[in-house]
Amino acid sequence: MEYVNPLTGFRIDGRRPNELRQIKGELGVVANADGSALFEMGNTRVIVAVYGPREVQNKSQQNNNQALVRCEYSMANFSTGDRTRRQKGDRRSTEISLVIRQTMEASILTHLMPRSQIDIFVQVLQADGGTRSACINAATLALADAGIPMRDIVTSCTAGYLCSTPLLDLNYVEDSAGGPDVTVGILSKMDKVTLLQMDAKLPMDIFENVMQLAIEGCKAIANYIREVLLENTKQLESRRGG
């Protein structure tokens, strides 16, 4: 199967190799949460609800110097069209929960909220590649919506290597092709990488190109997320003014 048309250079969904899918973010989608967001990357849709900072439920986990960050990731049974039911707490979900938590902890100013707990609940509503990146982007929006202090917004994007071509933001068909891919998370203003995951080996020169492409994707998403947050702030101010 040709994932990149050799004549036009376009991918199977009509995008150029260095083009993101359409992205969309929305705040305040869960009424009783302290912060929440819906984030879409193409057909991948993720919802995140944040609760906290609040009192630590398990006192043995309380930290006197910083907030405890917890994350729970799950996929809706209808998200992939796969008939096999996933058990809650399966190994993949546990691993992705850990990845999201560690990535967000690099951004959250936990030392400002000692003896408290922040819970991040992540659910994939529709999966079409790039789910963990979409989860991180949604979590950033939800934390901002909850007013959780962060040193910088953290964004994530994946890039892969198919048909001898670096490709940005893989969809499910491209992701399933079995080529190597790199998932990156960055603090964009600080230019600091907080997440780097790779599922196959790549020659160093190709890896650098693929990683740089993923970083460019992260920066474009960061610009979009800032626009969403700015627009939300303007709406809040106009409501107060009105």
Protein backbone atom coordinates (compact mmCIF):
# COMPACT_ATOMS: atom_id res chain seq x y z
CA MET A 1 0.00 0.00 0.00
CA GLU A 2 1.32 3.46 -0.92
CA TYR A 3 1.01 5.76 2.09
CA VAL A 4 2.52 8.65 0.15
CA ASN A 5 1.58 9.15 -3.50
CA PRO A 6 4.89 9.22 -5.43
CA LEU A 7 3.43 11.59 -8.06
CA THR A 8 1.64 14.17 -5.91
CA GLY A 9 3.44 13.70 -2.57
CA PHE A 10 0.07 13.59 -0.79
CA ARG A 11 -0.87 11.06 1.90
CA ILE A 12 -3.89 8.75 1.80
CA ASP A 13 -6.06 11.31 3.62
CA GLY A 14 -4.98 14.14 1.30
CA ARG A 15 -2.52 15.79 3.67
CA ARG A 16 1.05 16.81 2.89
CA PRO A 17 3.78 14.93 4.82
CA ASN A 18 4.34 17.86 7.24
CA GLU A 19 0.65 18.71 7.74
CA LEU A 20 -1.31 18.26 10.97
CA ARG A 21 -4.83 16.91 10.93
CA GLN A 22 -7.55 19.42 11.79
CA ILE A 23 -7.39 20.19 15.51
CA LYS A 24 -10.15 21.51 17.74
CA GLY A 25 -10.28 22.27 21.44
CA GLU A 26 -13.20 23.15 23.70
CA LEU A 27 -13.20 24.06 27.40
CA GLY A 28 -15.76 23.45 30.15
CA VAL A 29 -17.41 20.34 28.72
CA VAL A 30 -17.96 18.57 32.09
CA ALA A 31 -20.20 20.66 34.32
CA ASN A 32 -19.21 19.38 37.78
CA ALA A 33 -15.43 19.18 37.17
CA ASP A 34 -13.03 21.94 38.31
CA GLY A 35 -11.71 21.99 34.75
CA SER A 36 -12.46 20.02 31.59
CA ALA A 37 -11.76 19.95 27.88
CA LEU A 38 -12.53 18.13 24.67
CA PHE A 39 -9.69 17.87 22.15
CA GLU A 40 -9.84 16.53 18.61
CA MET A 41 -7.00 15.63 16.28
CA GLY A 42 -8.68 14.54 13.05
CA ASN A 43 -11.08 11.76 14.02
CA THR A 44 -9.39 11.15 17.38
CA ARG A 45 -11.49 12.68 20.17
CA VAL A 46 -10.52 12.84 23.84
CA ILE A 47 -12.31 14.28 26.88
CA VAL A 48 -10.52 15.18 30.12
CA ALA A 49 -11.91 16.21 33.51
CA VAL A 50 -9.73 17.65 36.27
CA TYR A 51 -10.65 17.74 39.97
CA GLY A 52 -8.54 19.68 42.44
CA PRO A 53 -6.45 20.82 44.02
CA ARG A 54 -8.40 19.16 46.81
CA GLU A 55 -7.79 17.30 50.06
CA VAL A 56 -5.74 14.12 49.70
CA GLN A 57 -8.08 11.13 50.01
CA ASN A 58 -5.41 8.65 51.11
CA LYS A 59 -3.47 10.42 53.86
CA SER A 60 -0.53 8.00 53.54
CA GLN A 61 0.09 9.46 50.04
CA GLN A 62 0.02 13.09 51.23
CA ASN A 63 3.15 15.10 50.46
CA ASN A 64 3.91 18.09 52.66
CA ASN A 65 6.03 19.73 49.96
CA GLN A 66 3.97 19.31 46.81
CA ALA A 67 0.66 18.25 45.30
CA LEU A 68 -0.06 14.63 44.48
CA VAL A 69 -0.97 14.25 40.79
CA ARG A 70 -3.07 11.23 39.80
CA CYS A 71 -4.17 10.23 36.32
CA GLU A 72 -6.66 7.65 35.11
CA TYR A 73 -6.84 6.81 31.39
CA SER A 74 -9.53 4.77 29.70
CA MET A 75 -10.97 4.15 26.25
CA ALA A 76 -14.70 4.12 25.65
CA ASN A 77 -15.78 0.68 24.43
CA PHE A 78 -17.17 2.26 21.26
CA SER A 79 -14.00 4.31 20.56
CA THR A 80 -12.38 1.94 18.06
CA GLY A 81 -15.26 -0.18 16.77
CA ASP A 82 -13.37 -3.15 18.22
CA ARG A 83 -15.78 -5.68 19.74
CA THR A 84 -13.32 -6.92 22.37
CA ARG A 85 -14.03 -5.27 25.70
CA ARG A 86 -10.99 -3.76 27.39
CA GLN A 87 -10.60 -4.50 31.05
CA LYS A 88 -10.32 -1.39 33.21
CA GLY A 89 -6.75 -1.08 34.43
CA ASP A 90 -5.23 -3.18 31.67
CA ARG A 91 -1.49 -2.89 31.10
CA ARG A 92 -1.69 -0.43 28.18
CA SER A 93 -4.09 1.87 30.08
CA THR A 94 -1.82 1.80 33.14
CA GLU A 95 1.21 2.66 30.99
CA ILE A 96 -0.53 5.54 29.22
CA SER A 97 -1.89 6.86 32.56
CA LEU A 98 1.72 6.95 33.82
CA VAL A 99 2.98 8.69 30.65
CA ILE A 100 0.28 11.38 30.87
CA ARG A 101 0.85 11.90 34.61
CA GLN A 102 4.63 12.23 34.28
CA THR A 103 4.29 14.58 31.30
CA MET A 104 1.81 16.82 33.11
CA GLU A 105 3.86 16.79 36.34
CA ALA A 106 6.73 18.37 34.37
CA SER A 107 4.44 21.35 33.78
CA ILE A 108 2.35 21.66 36.97
CA LEU A 109 3.80 23.87 39.74
CA THR A 110 3.10 21.19 42.34
CA HIS A 111 5.18 22.95 45.03
CA LEU A 112 2.56 25.72 45.18
CA MET A 113 -0.11 23.25 46.33
CA PRO A 114 1.38 21.11 49.12
CA ARG A 115 -0.78 18.54 50.94
CA SER A 116 -3.30 18.48 48.09
CA GLN A 117 -4.31 16.18 45.26
CA ILE A 118 -5.06 16.80 41.57
CA ASP A 119 -6.98 14.11 39.69
CA ILE A 120 -6.89 13.94 35.88
CA PHE A 121 -9.48 11.66 34.27
CA VAL A 122 -8.87 10.98 30.59
CA GLN A 123 -11.26 9.16 28.26
CA VAL A 124 -10.78 8.44 24.56
CA LEU A 125 -14.15 8.81 22.83
CA GLN A 126 -12.88 8.02 19.34
CA ALA A 127 -9.47 6.58 18.39
CA ASP A 128 -7.89 7.19 15.00
CA GLY A 129 -4.17 7.38 15.76
CA GLY A 130 -2.22 9.78 17.98
CA THR A 131 -4.37 9.08 21.03
CA ARG A 132 -1.73 9.68 23.70
CA SER A 133 -0.77 13.02 22.11
CA ALA A 134 -4.44 14.04 22.00
CA CYS A 135 -4.76 13.02 25.68
CA ILE A 136 -1.84 15.24 26.71
CA ASN A 137 -3.18 18.20 24.68
CA ALA A 138 -6.64 17.74 26.20
CA ALA A 139 -5.15 17.47 29.72
CA THR A 140 -3.26 20.76 29.22
CA LEU A 141 -6.50 22.53 28.29
CA ALA A 142 -8.41 20.97 31.20
CA LEU A 143 -5.71 21.91 33.75
CA ALA A 144 -5.71 25.48 32.44
CA ASP A 145 -9.51 25.50 32.67
CA ALA A 146 -9.23 24.39 36.31
CA GLY A 147 -6.82 27.24 37.03
CA ILE A 148 -3.98 24.87 37.97
CA PRO A 149 -0.71 26.86 37.92
CA MET A 150 1.72 25.60 35.25
CA ARG A 151 5.25 26.67 34.29
CA ASP A 152 4.30 26.35 30.61
CA ILE A 153 1.68 24.61 28.51
CA VAL A 154 2.74 21.13 27.46
CA THR A 155 1.73 19.83 24.04
CA SER A 156 2.35 16.56 22.23
CA CYS A 157 2.50 15.26 18.68
CA THR A 158 3.64 12.12 16.84
CA ALA A 159 5.69 11.81 13.67
CA GLY A 160 6.52 8.63 11.78
CA TYR A 161 8.60 7.35 8.90
CA LEU A 162 6.82 5.62 6.02
CA CYS A 163 7.75 5.25 2.33
CA SER A 164 11.14 6.87 3.12
CA THR A 165 9.25 10.01 4.16
CA PRO A 166 8.87 11.64 7.61
CA LEU A 167 5.12 12.08 8.26
CA LEU A 168 3.54 14.34 10.88
CA ASP A 169 0.57 13.36 13.08
CA LEU A 170 -0.12 9.79 11.96
CA ASN A 171 -3.70 8.60 11.58
CA TYR A 172 -4.70 5.02 12.47
CA VAL A 173 -4.01 3.54 9.01
CA GLU A 174 -0.53 5.09 8.91
CA ASP A 175 0.14 4.15 12.53
CA SER A 176 -0.87 0.54 11.81
CA ALA A 177 1.54 0.28 8.87
CA GLY A 178 4.26 -0.82 11.27
CA GLY A 179 6.78 1.92 10.52
CA PRO A 180 8.77 3.59 13.29
CA ASP A 181 7.17 6.56 15.02
CA VAL A 182 8.22 9.09 17.64
CA THR A 183 5.87 10.71 20.16
CA VAL A 184 7.16 13.97 21.62
CA GLY A 185 5.87 16.25 24.37
CA ILE A 186 7.35 19.72 24.86
CA LEU A 187 7.09 22.80 27.05
CA SER A 188 6.97 25.11 24.05
CA LYS A 189 8.08 28.47 25.48
CA MET A 190 10.85 26.84 27.49
CA ASP A 191 11.80 24.68 24.47
CA LYS A 192 12.11 21.69 26.77
CA VAL A 193 11.26 18.08 25.83
CA THR A 194 9.19 16.37 28.56
CA LEU A 195 8.21 13.23 26.66
CA LEU A 196 10.02 11.12 24.07
CA GLN A 197 8.71 7.69 23.12
CA MET A 198 9.85 5.60 20.19
CA ASP A 199 8.63 2.17 19.14
CA ALA A 200 11.38 1.14 16.69
CA LYS A 201 14.98 1.97 15.84
CA LEU A 202 15.84 4.67 13.31
CA PRO A 203 19.20 5.80 11.88
CA MET A 204 20.34 8.92 13.74
CA ASP A 205 19.95 11.35 10.81
CA ILE A 206 16.41 10.13 10.04
CA PHE A 207 15.49 10.14 13.75
CA GLU A 208 16.55 13.80 14.03
CA ASN A 209 14.35 14.73 11.05
CA VAL A 210 11.35 12.81 12.41
CA MET A 211 11.78 14.23 15.91
CA GLN A 212 12.15 17.78 14.59
CA LEU A 213 8.93 17.31 12.61
CA ALA A 214 7.12 16.15 15.78
CA ILE A 215 8.47 19.19 17.68
CA GLU A 216 7.18 21.52 14.93
CA GLY A 217 3.79 19.83 15.32
CA CYS A 218 3.91 20.38 19.10
CA LYS A 219 4.65 24.09 18.57
CA ALA A 220 1.77 24.51 16.11
CA ILE A 221 -0.59 22.82 18.62
CA ALA A 222 0.75 25.07 21.41
CA ASN A 223 -0.08 28.16 19.34
CA TYR A 224 -3.60 26.84 18.77
CA ILE A 225 -4.10 26.01 22.49
CA ARG A 226 -2.99 29.53 23.45
CA GLU A 227 -5.60 30.92 21.03
CA VAL A 228 -8.31 28.73 22.62
CA LEU A 229 -7.33 29.87 26.13
CA LEU A 230 -7.19 33.53 25.07
CA GLU A 231 -10.61 33.31 23.41
CA ASN A 232 -12.02 31.67 26.55
CA THR A 233 -10.57 34.46 28.73
CA LYS A 234 -12.16 37.10 26.46
CA GLN A 235 -15.55 35.36 26.74
CA LEU A 236 -15.31 35.23 30.54
CA GLU A 237 -14.40 38.92 30.68
CA SER A 238 -17.27 39.91 28.40
CA ARG A 239 -19.72 37.93 30.57
CA ARG A 240 -18.48 39.69 33.68
CA GLY A 241 -18.62 43.05 31.91
CA GLY A 242 -22.14 42.32 30.66
